Amino acid sequence: MLVLARKVDQKIRIGNNIVITVLKVSGDNVSLGIDAPGDQLILREELAKKTAEINRKSAVTPEETKELPHS
């Protein structure tokens, strides 16, 4: 893991088209601005984990598909 120290208005570039800017630091909170292409999915970690858990719970196993009605 790369660990960087940045100050307000300083940037981090990821690849050629993603830029993260430190907008504000207040206590233990940091506000970040992220410039990225529209097709790049950007999620907070807790939201990504929740989405993965919901997807896992809603997944159907091959055995379960045999029990589904077929038209």
N, C-alpha and C. Protein backbone atom coordinates (compact mmCIF):
# COMPACT_ATOMS: atom_id res chain seq x y z
N MET A 1 0.85 -1.17 0.00
CA MET A 1 0.00 0.00 0.00
C MET A 1 0.90 1.24 0.00
N LEU A 2 0.62 2.14 -0.89
CA LEU A 2 1.31 3.42 -0.94
C LEU A 2 0.66 4.36 0.06
N VAL A 3 1.43 4.99 0.91
CA VAL A 3 0.91 5.94 1.89
C VAL A 3 1.50 7.31 1.57
N LEU A 4 0.62 8.31 1.40
CA LEU A 4 1.05 9.66 1.06
C LEU A 4 0.52 10.66 2.07
N ALA A 5 1.26 11.70 2.31
CA ALA A 5 0.78 12.83 3.11
C ALA A 5 0.50 13.98 2.15
N ARG A 6 -0.68 14.56 2.25
CA ARG A 6 -1.08 15.65 1.36
C ARG A 6 -1.67 16.77 2.20
N LYS A 7 -1.58 17.98 1.70
CA LYS A 7 -2.19 19.15 2.33
C LYS A 7 -3.36 19.61 1.48
N VAL A 8 -4.17 20.51 2.04
CA VAL A 8 -5.32 21.04 1.31
C VAL A 8 -4.86 21.59 -0.04
N ASP A 9 -5.63 21.31 -1.07
CA ASP A 9 -5.40 21.71 -2.46
C ASP A 9 -4.32 20.89 -3.17
N GLN A 10 -3.67 19.97 -2.48
CA GLN A 10 -2.72 19.11 -3.15
C GLN A 10 -3.45 17.93 -3.78
N LYS A 11 -2.86 17.37 -4.81
CA LYS A 11 -3.53 16.34 -5.62
C LYS A 11 -2.72 15.04 -5.65
N ILE A 12 -3.44 13.99 -5.97
CA ILE A 12 -2.85 12.68 -6.24
C ILE A 12 -3.41 12.24 -7.59
N ARG A 13 -2.54 11.80 -8.47
CA ARG A 13 -2.97 11.34 -9.79
C ARG A 13 -2.86 9.83 -9.85
N ILE A 14 -3.93 9.19 -10.35
CA ILE A 14 -3.94 7.75 -10.54
C ILE A 14 -4.11 7.50 -12.03
N GLY A 15 -3.08 6.93 -12.64
CA GLY A 15 -3.12 6.73 -14.08
C GLY A 15 -3.13 8.08 -14.79
N ASN A 16 -3.70 8.09 -16.00
CA ASN A 16 -3.73 9.31 -16.80
C ASN A 16 -4.98 10.15 -16.61
N ASN A 17 -6.04 9.57 -16.00
CA ASN A 17 -7.30 10.30 -16.03
C ASN A 17 -8.06 10.33 -14.70
N ILE A 18 -7.42 10.02 -13.60
CA ILE A 18 -8.07 10.13 -12.29
C ILE A 18 -7.22 11.03 -11.40
N VAL A 19 -7.85 12.08 -10.85
CA VAL A 19 -7.16 13.01 -9.97
C VAL A 19 -7.96 13.15 -8.69
N ILE A 20 -7.30 12.96 -7.56
CA ILE A 20 -7.92 13.13 -6.25
C ILE A 20 -7.31 14.38 -5.62
N THR A 21 -8.18 15.30 -5.17
CA THR A 21 -7.74 16.55 -4.57
C THR A 21 -8.21 16.61 -3.12
N VAL A 22 -7.31 16.98 -2.21
CA VAL A 22 -7.69 17.21 -0.82
C VAL A 22 -8.36 18.57 -0.76
N LEU A 23 -9.66 18.59 -0.44
CA LEU A 23 -10.42 19.83 -0.41
C LEU A 23 -10.43 20.49 0.96
N LYS A 24 -10.55 19.66 2.00
CA LYS A 24 -10.67 20.22 3.35
C LYS A 24 -10.25 19.17 4.36
N VAL A 25 -9.60 19.62 5.43
CA VAL A 25 -9.27 18.76 6.56
C VAL A 25 -9.85 19.42 7.80
N SER A 26 -10.71 18.68 8.51
CA SER A 26 -11.35 19.22 9.71
C SER A 26 -11.33 18.13 10.78
N GLY A 27 -10.48 18.28 11.78
CA GLY A 27 -10.35 17.24 12.80
C GLY A 27 -9.87 15.95 12.16
N ASP A 28 -10.63 14.87 12.35
CA ASP A 28 -10.25 13.59 11.75
C ASP A 28 -11.00 13.31 10.46
N ASN A 29 -11.64 14.33 9.88
CA ASN A 29 -12.35 14.18 8.61
C ASN A 29 -11.58 14.85 7.48
N VAL A 30 -11.54 14.18 6.35
CA VAL A 30 -10.89 14.72 5.15
C VAL A 30 -11.92 14.73 4.03
N SER A 31 -12.08 15.87 3.37
CA SER A 31 -12.97 15.95 2.20
C SER A 31 -12.11 15.85 0.95
N LEU A 32 -12.48 14.92 0.08
CA LEU A 32 -11.74 14.68 -1.15
C LEU A 32 -12.61 15.01 -2.35
N GLY A 33 -12.01 15.56 -3.38
CA GLY A 33 -12.66 15.73 -4.67
C GLY A 33 -12.04 14.73 -5.63
N ILE A 34 -12.87 14.06 -6.40
CA ILE A 34 -12.37 13.04 -7.32
C ILE A 34 -12.81 13.38 -8.73
N ASP A 35 -11.85 13.60 -9.61
CA ASP A 35 -12.12 13.80 -11.03
C ASP A 35 -11.76 12.51 -11.75
N ALA A 36 -12.78 11.91 -12.38
CA ALA A 36 -12.57 10.64 -13.08
C ALA A 36 -13.57 10.54 -14.22
N PRO A 37 -13.29 9.71 -15.20
CA PRO A 37 -14.24 9.51 -16.30
C PRO A 37 -15.57 8.98 -15.76
N GLY A 38 -16.65 9.30 -16.44
CA GLY A 38 -17.98 8.90 -16.02
C GLY A 38 -18.18 7.39 -15.96
N ASP A 39 -17.41 6.65 -16.72
CA ASP A 39 -17.58 5.19 -16.72
C ASP A 39 -16.78 4.51 -15.60
N GLN A 40 -16.07 5.30 -14.80
CA GLN A 40 -15.29 4.76 -13.69
C GLN A 40 -16.14 4.74 -12.43
N LEU A 41 -16.41 3.56 -11.88
CA LEU A 41 -17.21 3.41 -10.67
C LEU A 41 -16.38 3.82 -9.46
N ILE A 42 -16.92 4.75 -8.67
CA ILE A 42 -16.24 5.21 -7.46
C ILE A 42 -17.22 5.05 -6.30
N LEU A 43 -16.86 4.25 -5.32
CA LEU A 43 -17.72 3.99 -4.16
C LEU A 43 -16.93 4.14 -2.87
N ARG A 44 -17.61 4.60 -1.82
CA ARG A 44 -17.03 4.54 -0.48
C ARG A 44 -16.90 3.06 -0.12
N GLU A 45 -15.88 2.70 0.63
CA GLU A 45 -15.63 1.29 0.97
C GLU A 45 -16.83 0.64 1.64
N GLU A 46 -17.46 1.34 2.59
CA GLU A 46 -18.59 0.73 3.30
C GLU A 46 -19.77 0.47 2.36
N LEU A 47 -19.96 1.31 1.34
CA LEU A 47 -21.02 1.09 0.37
C LEU A 47 -20.68 -0.08 -0.54
N ALA A 48 -19.43 -0.19 -0.94
CA ALA A 48 -19.01 -1.31 -1.78
C ALA A 48 -19.20 -2.64 -1.05
N LYS A 49 -18.86 -2.67 0.25
CA LYS A 49 -19.04 -3.90 1.04
C LYS A 49 -20.51 -4.24 1.18
N LYS A 50 -21.34 -3.23 1.42
CA LYS A 50 -22.78 -3.48 1.58
C LYS A 50 -23.37 -3.99 0.27
N THR A 51 -22.98 -3.39 -0.85
CA THR A 51 -23.47 -3.83 -2.15
C THR A 51 -23.05 -5.27 -2.43
N ALA A 52 -21.81 -5.61 -2.11
CA ALA A 52 -21.34 -6.98 -2.31
C ALA A 52 -22.12 -7.96 -1.45
N GLU A 53 -22.43 -7.58 -0.22
CA GLU A 53 -23.20 -8.45 0.68
C GLU A 53 -24.62 -8.65 0.15
N ILE A 54 -25.25 -7.58 -0.32
CA ILE A 54 -26.60 -7.68 -0.89
C ILE A 54 -26.58 -8.59 -2.11
N ASN A 55 -25.59 -8.42 -2.97
CA ASN A 55 -25.48 -9.26 -4.17
C ASN A 55 -25.26 -10.72 -3.79
N ARG A 56 -24.44 -10.97 -2.77
CA ARG A 56 -24.18 -12.34 -2.33
C ARG A 56 -25.46 -12.98 -1.81
N LYS A 57 -26.23 -12.22 -1.03
CA LYS A 57 -27.46 -12.77 -0.46
C LYS A 57 -28.52 -13.03 -1.52
N SER A 58 -28.50 -12.23 -2.60
CA SER A 58 -29.54 -12.39 -3.62
C SER A 58 -29.13 -13.36 -4.73
N ALA A 59 -27.90 -13.84 -4.68
CA ALA A 59 -27.43 -14.77 -5.71
C ALA A 59 -28.16 -16.11 -5.59
N VAL A 60 -28.35 -16.73 -6.73
CA VAL A 60 -29.03 -18.03 -6.80
C VAL A 60 -28.00 -19.07 -7.20
N THR A 61 -27.94 -20.16 -6.46
CA THR A 61 -27.01 -21.23 -6.79
C THR A 61 -27.57 -22.06 -7.95
N PRO A 62 -26.71 -22.81 -8.64
CA PRO A 62 -27.20 -23.65 -9.73
C PRO A 62 -28.29 -24.63 -9.25
N GLU A 63 -28.16 -25.13 -8.03
CA GLU A 63 -29.18 -26.05 -7.51
C GLU A 63 -30.52 -25.34 -7.35
N GLU A 64 -30.47 -24.09 -6.91
CA GLU A 64 -31.71 -23.33 -6.71
C GLU A 64 -32.39 -22.99 -8.03
N THR A 65 -31.62 -22.84 -9.10
CA THR A 65 -32.23 -22.52 -10.39
C THR A 65 -33.09 -23.68 -10.89
N LYS A 66 -32.76 -24.90 -10.50
CA LYS A 66 -33.56 -26.06 -10.91
C LYS A 66 -34.95 -26.00 -10.30
N GLU A 67 -35.08 -25.32 -9.15
CA GLU A 67 -36.36 -25.23 -8.47
C GLU A 67 -37.23 -24.08 -8.98
N LEU A 68 -36.65 -23.20 -9.79
CA LEU A 68 -37.42 -22.05 -10.29
C LEU A 68 -38.36 -22.51 -11.40
N PRO A 69 -39.55 -21.88 -11.47
CA PRO A 69 -40.47 -22.23 -12.56
C PRO A 69 -39.89 -21.79 -13.91
N HIS A 70 -40.04 -22.62 -14.90
CA HIS A 70 -39.56 -22.30 -16.25
C HIS A 70 -40.76 -22.05 -17.14
N SER A 71 -40.60 -21.06 -18.02
CA SER A 71 -41.71 -20.78 -18.94
C SER A 71 -41.44 -21.30 -20.31
